[in-house]
PDB file of N, CA and C in Angstrom:
ATOM      1  N   MET A   1    -203.745  50.458-122.654  1.00  0.00           N
ATOM      2  CA  MET A   1    -202.380  50.737-123.064  1.00  0.00           C
ATOM      3  C   MET A   1    -201.588  51.218-121.846  1.00  0.00           C
ATOM      4  N   ALA A   2    -200.366  50.740-121.733  1.00  0.00           N
ATOM      5  CA  ALA A   2    -199.518  51.069-120.585  1.00  0.00           C
ATOM      6  C   ALA A   2    -199.015  52.503-120.662  1.00  0.00           C
ATOM      7  N   ARG A   3    -198.922  53.134-119.494  1.00  0.00           N
ATOM      8  CA  ARG A   3    -198.357  54.478-119.440  1.00  0.00           C
ATOM      9  C   ARG A   3    -196.848  54.368-119.615  1.00  0.00           C
ATOM     10  N   LYS A   4    -196.283  55.269-120.413  1.00  0.00           N
ATOM     11  CA  LYS A   4    -194.844  55.279-120.661  1.00  0.00           C
ATOM     12  C   LYS A   4    -194.232  56.539-120.091  1.00  0.00           C
ATOM     13  N   LYS A   5    -192.982  56.428-119.682  1.00  0.00           N
ATOM     14  CA  LYS A   5    -192.251  57.570-119.151  1.00  0.00           C
ATOM     15  C   LYS A   5    -190.769  57.329-119.419  1.00  0.00           C
ATOM     16  N   THR A   6    -190.012  58.399-119.631  1.00  0.00           N
ATOM     17  CA  THR A   6    -188.573  58.272-119.828  1.00  0.00           C
ATOM     18  C   THR A   6    -187.838  58.787-118.600  1.00  0.00           C
ATOM     19  N   PHE A   7    -186.747  58.132-118.285  1.00  0.00           N
ATOM     20  CA  PHE A   7    -185.901  58.493-117.162  1.00  0.00           C
ATOM     21  C   PHE A   7    -184.473  58.638-117.657  1.00  0.00           C
ATOM     22  N   GLU A   8    -183.836  59.737-117.324  1.00  0.00           N
ATOM     23  CA  GLU A   8    -182.460  59.990-117.736  1.00  0.00           C
ATOM     24  C   GLU A   8    -181.534  59.848-116.535  1.00  0.00           C
ATOM     25  N   VAL A   9    -180.399  59.194-116.742  1.00  0.00           N
ATOM     26  CA  VAL A   9    -179.384  59.105-115.705  1.00  0.00           C
ATOM     27  C   VAL A   9    -178.726  60.484-115.607  1.00  0.00           C
ATOM     28  N   VAL A  10    -178.926  61.146-114.478  1.00  0.00           N
ATOM     29  CA  VAL A  10    -178.429  62.509-114.301  1.00  0.00           C
ATOM     30  C   VAL A  10    -176.995  62.483-113.777  1.00  0.00           C
ATOM     31  N   ASP A  11    -176.336  63.656-113.769  1.00  0.00           N
ATOM     32  CA  ASP A  11    -174.972  63.762-113.257  1.00  0.00           C
ATOM     33  C   ASP A  11    -174.914  63.281-111.804  1.00  0.00           C
ATOM     34  N   ASN A  12    -173.813  62.654-111.455  1.00  0.00           N
ATOM     35  CA  ASN A  12    -173.564  62.131-110.098  1.00  0.00           C
ATOM     36  C   ASN A  12    -174.599  61.082-109.687  1.00  0.00           C
ATOM     37  N   GLU A  13    -175.142  60.346-110.639  1.00  0.00           N
ATOM     38  CA  GLU A  13    -176.080  59.261-110.356  1.00  0.00           C
ATOM     39  C   GLU A  13    -175.614  58.028-111.111  1.00  0.00           C
ATOM     40  N   THR A  14    -175.638  56.890-110.454  1.00  0.00           N
ATOM     41  CA  THR A  14    -175.263  55.647-111.117  1.00  0.00           C
ATOM     42  C   THR A  14    -176.485  55.070-111.827  1.00  0.00           C
ATOM     43  N   ILE A  15    -176.238  54.106-112.682  1.00  0.00           N
ATOM     44  CA  ILE A  15    -177.335  53.436-113.376  1.00  0.00           C
ATOM     45  C   ILE A  15    -178.220  52.724-112.357  1.00  0.00           C
ATOM     46  N   GLY A  16    -177.607  52.138-111.348  1.00  0.00           N
ATOM     47  CA  GLY A  16    -178.364  51.466-110.289  1.00  0.00           C
ATOM     48  C   GLY A  16    -179.266  52.429-109.538  1.00  0.00           C
ATOM     49  N   ASP A  17    -178.768  53.640-109.277  1.00  0.00           N
ATOM     50  CA  ASP A  17    -179.590  54.659-108.608  1.00  0.00           C
ATOM     51  C   ASP A  17    -180.792  55.027-109.471  1.00  0.00           C
ATOM     52  N   CYS A  18    -180.566  55.166-110.764  1.00  0.00           N
ATOM     53  CA  CYS A  18    -181.650  55.511-111.680  1.00  0.00           C
ATOM     54  C   CYS A  18    -182.678  54.381-111.731  1.00  0.00           C
ATOM     55  N   LEU A  19    -182.213  53.141-111.784  1.00  0.00           N
ATOM     56  CA  LEU A  19    -183.146  52.010-111.807  1.00  0.00           C
ATOM     57  C   LEU A  19    -183.952  51.938-110.512  1.00  0.00           C
ATOM     58  N   ALA A  20    -183.334  52.263-109.384  1.00  0.00           N
ATOM     59  CA  ALA A  20    -184.055  52.293-108.104  1.00  0.00           C
ATOM     60  C   ALA A  20    -185.118  53.391-108.118  1.00  0.00           C
ATOM     61  N   ARG A  21    -184.785  54.539-108.703  1.00  0.00           N
ATOM     62  CA  ARG A  21    -185.736  55.651-108.812  1.00  0.00           C
ATOM     63  C   ARG A  21    -186.918  55.254-109.695  1.00  0.00           C
ATOM     64  N   ILE A  22    -186.644  54.537-110.779  1.00  0.00           N
ATOM     65  CA  ILE A  22    -187.711  54.062-111.662  1.00  0.00           C
ATOM     66  C   ILE A  22    -188.648  53.141-110.890  1.00  0.00           C
ATOM     67  N   ASP A  23    -188.075  52.228-110.113  1.00  0.00           N
ATOM     68  CA  ASP A  23    -188.870  51.278-109.331  1.00  0.00           C
ATOM     69  C   ASP A  23    -189.695  51.994-108.266  1.00  0.00           C
ATOM     70  N   GLU A  24    -189.113  52.990-107.605  1.00  0.00           N
ATOM     71  CA  GLU A  24    -189.823  53.737-106.562  1.00  0.00           C
ATOM     72  C   GLU A  24    -191.032  54.478-107.119  1.00  0.00           C
ATOM     73  N   GLU A  25    -190.950  54.923-108.371  1.00  0.00           N
ATOM     74  CA  GLU A  25    -192.060  55.645-108.985  1.00  0.00           C
ATOM     75  C   GLU A  25    -193.108  54.703-109.580  1.00  0.00           C
ATOM     76  N   GLY A  26    -192.882  53.395-109.448  1.00  0.00           N
ATOM     77  CA  GLY A  26    -193.871  52.428-109.909  1.00  0.00           C
ATOM     78  C   GLY A  26    -193.786  52.080-111.380  1.00  0.00           C
ATOM     79  N   TYR A  27    -192.584  52.165-111.944  1.00  0.00           N
ATOM     80  CA  TYR A  27    -192.383  51.850-113.355  1.00  0.00           C
ATOM     81  C   TYR A  27    -191.412  50.687-113.501  1.00  0.00           C
ATOM     82  N   ARG A  28    -191.417  50.090-114.686  1.00  0.00           N
ATOM     83  CA  ARG A  28    -190.540  48.974-115.024  1.00  0.00           C
ATOM     84  C   ARG A  28    -189.811  49.330-116.304  1.00  0.00           C
ATOM     85  N   PRO A  29    -188.453  49.308-116.308  1.00  0.00           N
ATOM     86  CA  PRO A  29    -187.719  49.667-117.530  1.00  0.00           C
ATOM     87  C   PRO A  29    -187.919  48.617-118.619  1.00  0.00           C
ATOM     88  N   VAL A  30    -188.107  49.104-119.856  1.00  0.00           N
ATOM     89  CA  VAL A  30    -188.284  48.193-120.990  1.00  0.00           C
ATOM     90  C   VAL A  30    -187.250  48.435-122.085  1.00  0.00           C
ATOM     91  N   LYS A  31    -186.591  49.593-122.055  1.00  0.00           N
ATOM     92  CA  LYS A  31    -185.627  49.899-123.099  1.00  0.00           C
ATOM     93  C   LYS A  31    -184.568  50.854-122.561  1.00  0.00           C
ATOM     94  N   ARG A  32    -183.326  50.639-122.972  1.00  0.00           N
ATOM     95  CA  ARG A  32    -182.220  51.519-122.597  1.00  0.00           C
ATOM     96  C   ARG A  32    -181.621  52.088-123.877  1.00  0.00           C
ATOM     97  N   VAL A  33    -181.460  53.422-123.912  1.00  0.00           N
ATOM     98  CA  VAL A  33    -180.909  54.092-125.081  1.00  0.00           C
ATOM     99  C   VAL A  33    -179.702  54.911-124.636  1.00  0.00           C
ATOM    100  N   GLU A  34    -178.596  54.746-125.342  1.00  0.00           N
ATOM    101  CA  GLU A  34    -177.398  55.535-125.067  1.00  0.00           C
ATOM    102  C   GLU A  34    -177.192  56.505-126.222  1.00  0.00           C
ATOM    103  N   LYS A  35    -177.134  57.792-125.888  1.00  0.00           N
ATOM    104  CA  LYS A  35    -176.972  58.825-126.896  1.00  0.00           C
ATOM    105  C   LYS A  35    -175.645  59.545-126.655  1.00  0.00           C
ATOM    106  N   PRO A  36    -174.753  59.537-127.628  1.00  0.00           N
ATOM    107  CA  PRO A  36    -173.485  60.247-127.455  1.00  0.00           C
ATOM    108  C   PRO A  36    -173.677  61.755-127.578  1.00  0.00           C
ATOM    109  N   ILE A  37    -172.882  62.489-126.825  1.00  0.00           N
ATOM    110  CA  ILE A  37    -172.865  63.954-126.908  1.00  0.00           C
ATOM    111  C   ILE A  37    -171.519  64.322-127.512  1.00  0.00           C
ATOM    112  N   PHE A  38    -171.544  64.988-128.662  1.00  0.00           N
ATOM    113  CA  PHE A  38    -170.336  65.303-129.408  1.00  0.00           C
ATOM    114  C   PHE A  38    -169.890  66.743-129.177  1.00  0.00           C
ATOM    115  N   THR A  39    -168.575  66.960-129.321  1.00  0.00           N
ATOM    116  CA  THR A  39    -168.016  68.311-129.326  1.00  0.00           C
ATOM    117  C   THR A  39    -167.160  68.453-130.575  1.00  0.00           C
ATOM    118  N   GLU A  40    -166.982  69.686-130.991  1.00  0.00           N
ATOM    119  CA  GLU A  40    -166.193  69.963-132.185  1.00  0.00           C
ATOM    120  C   GLU A  40    -165.175  71.052-131.853  1.00  0.00           C
ATOM    121  N   ASP A  41    -163.910  70.834-132.205  1.00  0.00           N
ATOM    122  CA  ASP A  41    -162.885  71.838-131.924  1.00  0.00           C
ATOM    123  C   ASP A  41    -162.684  72.748-133.131  1.00  0.00           C
ATOM    124  N   ARG A  42    -161.693  73.615-133.057  1.00  0.00           N
ATOM    125  CA  ARG A  42    -161.470  74.606-134.121  1.00  0.00           C
ATOM    126  C   ARG A  42    -161.098  73.981-135.455  1.00  0.00           C
ATOM    127  N   GLU A  43    -160.451  72.828-135.416  1.00  0.00           N
ATOM    128  CA  GLU A  43    -160.073  72.146-136.656  1.00  0.00           C
ATOM    129  C   GLU A  43    -161.206  71.254-137.166  1.00  0.00           C
ATOM    130  N   GLN A  44    -162.364  71.372-136.581  1.00  0.00           N
ATOM    131  CA  GLN A  44    -163.557  70.601-136.927  1.00  0.00           C
ATOM    132  C   GLN A  44    -163.376  69.102-136.705  1.00  0.00           C
ATOM    133  N   ASN A  45    -162.592  68.751-135.702  1.00  0.00           N
ATOM    134  CA  ASN A  45    -162.485  67.362-135.279  1.00  0.00           C
ATOM    135  C   ASN A  45    -163.614  67.087-134.295  1.00  0.00           C
ATOM    136  N   VAL A  46    -164.376  66.058-134.556  1.00  0.00           N
ATOM    137  CA  VAL A  46    -165.504  65.717-133.712  1.00  0.00           C
ATOM    138  C   VAL A  46    -165.083  64.603-132.751  1.00  0.00           C
ATOM    139  N   THR A  47    -165.352  64.815-131.464  1.00  0.00           N
ATOM    140  CA  THR A  47    -165.060  63.808-130.451  1.00  0.00           C
ATOM    141  C   THR A  47    -166.286  63.622-129.568  1.00  0.00           C
ATOM    142  N   VAL A  48    -166.368  62.459-128.947  1.00  0.00           N
ATOM    143  CA  VAL A  48    -167.460  62.172-128.024  1.00  0.00           C
ATOM    144  C   VAL A  48    -167.111  62.775-126.671  1.00  0.00           C
ATOM    145  N   LYS A  49    -167.963  63.660-126.177  1.00  0.00           N
ATOM    146  CA  LYS A  49    -167.727  64.329-124.904  1.00  0.00           C
ATOM    147  C   LYS A  49    -168.288  63.504-123.746  1.00  0.00           C
ATOM    148  N   ALA A  50    -169.481  62.985-123.916  1.00  0.00           N
ATOM    149  CA  ALA A  50    -170.140  62.229-122.860  1.00  0.00           C
ATOM    150  C   ALA A  50    -171.151  61.275-123.476  1.00  0.00           C
ATOM    151  N   GLN A  51    -171.720  60.442-122.629  1.00  0.00           N
ATOM    152  CA  GLN A  51    -172.730  59.494-123.054  1.00  0.00           C
ATOM    153  C   GLN A  51    -173.969  59.722-122.194  1.00  0.00           C
ATOM    154  N   LYS A  52    -175.095  60.023-122.812  1.00  0.00           N
ATOM    155  CA  LYS A  52    -176.352  60.230-122.080  1.00  0.00           C
ATOM    156  C   LYS A  52    -177.132  58.926-122.134  1.00  0.00           C
ATOM    157  N   ILE A  53    -177.550  58.430-120.968  1.00  0.00           N
ATOM    158  CA  ILE A  53    -178.288  57.172-120.886  1.00  0.00           C
ATOM    159  C   ILE A  53    -179.724  57.497-120.507  1.00  0.00           C
ATOM    160  N   VAL A  54    -180.665  56.987-121.317  1.00  0.00           N
ATOM    161  CA  VAL A  54    -182.087  57.226-121.089  1.00  0.00           C
ATOM    162  C   VAL A  54    -182.791  55.878-121.054  1.00  0.00           C
ATOM    163  N   PHE A  55    -183.633  55.689-120.038  1.00  0.00           N
ATOM    164  CA  PHE A  55    -184.446  54.488-119.929  1.00  0.00           C
ATOM    165  C   PHE A  55    -185.883  54.830-120.287  1.00  0.00           C
ATOM    166  N   GLU A  56    -186.514  53.970-121.083  1.00  0.00           N
ATOM    167  CA  GLU A  56    -187.943  54.070-121.326  1.00  0.00           C
ATOM    168  C   GLU A  56    -188.587  53.045-120.407  1.00  0.00           C
ATOM    169  N   ALA A  57    -189.649  53.465-119.709  1.00  0.00           N
ATOM    170  CA  ALA A  57    -190.278  52.586-118.732  1.00  0.00           C
ATOM    171  C   ALA A  57    -191.784  52.628-118.873  1.00  0.00           C
ATOM    172  N   VAL A  58    -192.441  51.534-118.461  1.00  0.00           N
ATOM    173  CA  VAL A  58    -193.902  51.458-118.454  1.00  0.00           C
ATOM    174  C   VAL A  58    -194.355  51.238-117.009  1.00  0.00           C
ATOM    175  N   ALA A  59    -195.579  51.656-116.732  1.00  0.00           N
ATOM    176  CA  ALA A  59    -196.134  51.525-115.388  1.00  0.00           C
ATOM    177  C   ALA A  59    -196.313  50.053-115.045  1.00  0.00           C
ATOM    178  N   LYS A  60    -196.058  49.730-113.782  1.00  0.00           N
ATOM    179  CA  LYS A  60    -196.295  48.355-113.318  1.00  0.00           C
ATOM    180  C   LYS A  60    -197.798  48.152-113.139  1.00  0.00           C
ATOM    181  N   ASP A  61    -198.233  46.948-113.392  1.00  0.00           N
ATOM    182  CA  ASP A  61    -199.672  46.659-113.230  1.00  0.00           C
ATOM    183  C   ASP A  61    -199.983  46.246-111.829  1.00  0.00           C
TER     184      ASP A  61
END
């Protein structure tokens, strides 16, 4: 069974930088997940504050 690891695109990093980091660590991305981060104001209006991008990767053979 392949080893799995998740990689998150951190602040001040592009998606390309994250993919390069995944490759340098010897992994291959297999899935991309975008998770919204919500905020709520005093009137209970919900808005999207940011988008968190997470890659799931497996080890290269």
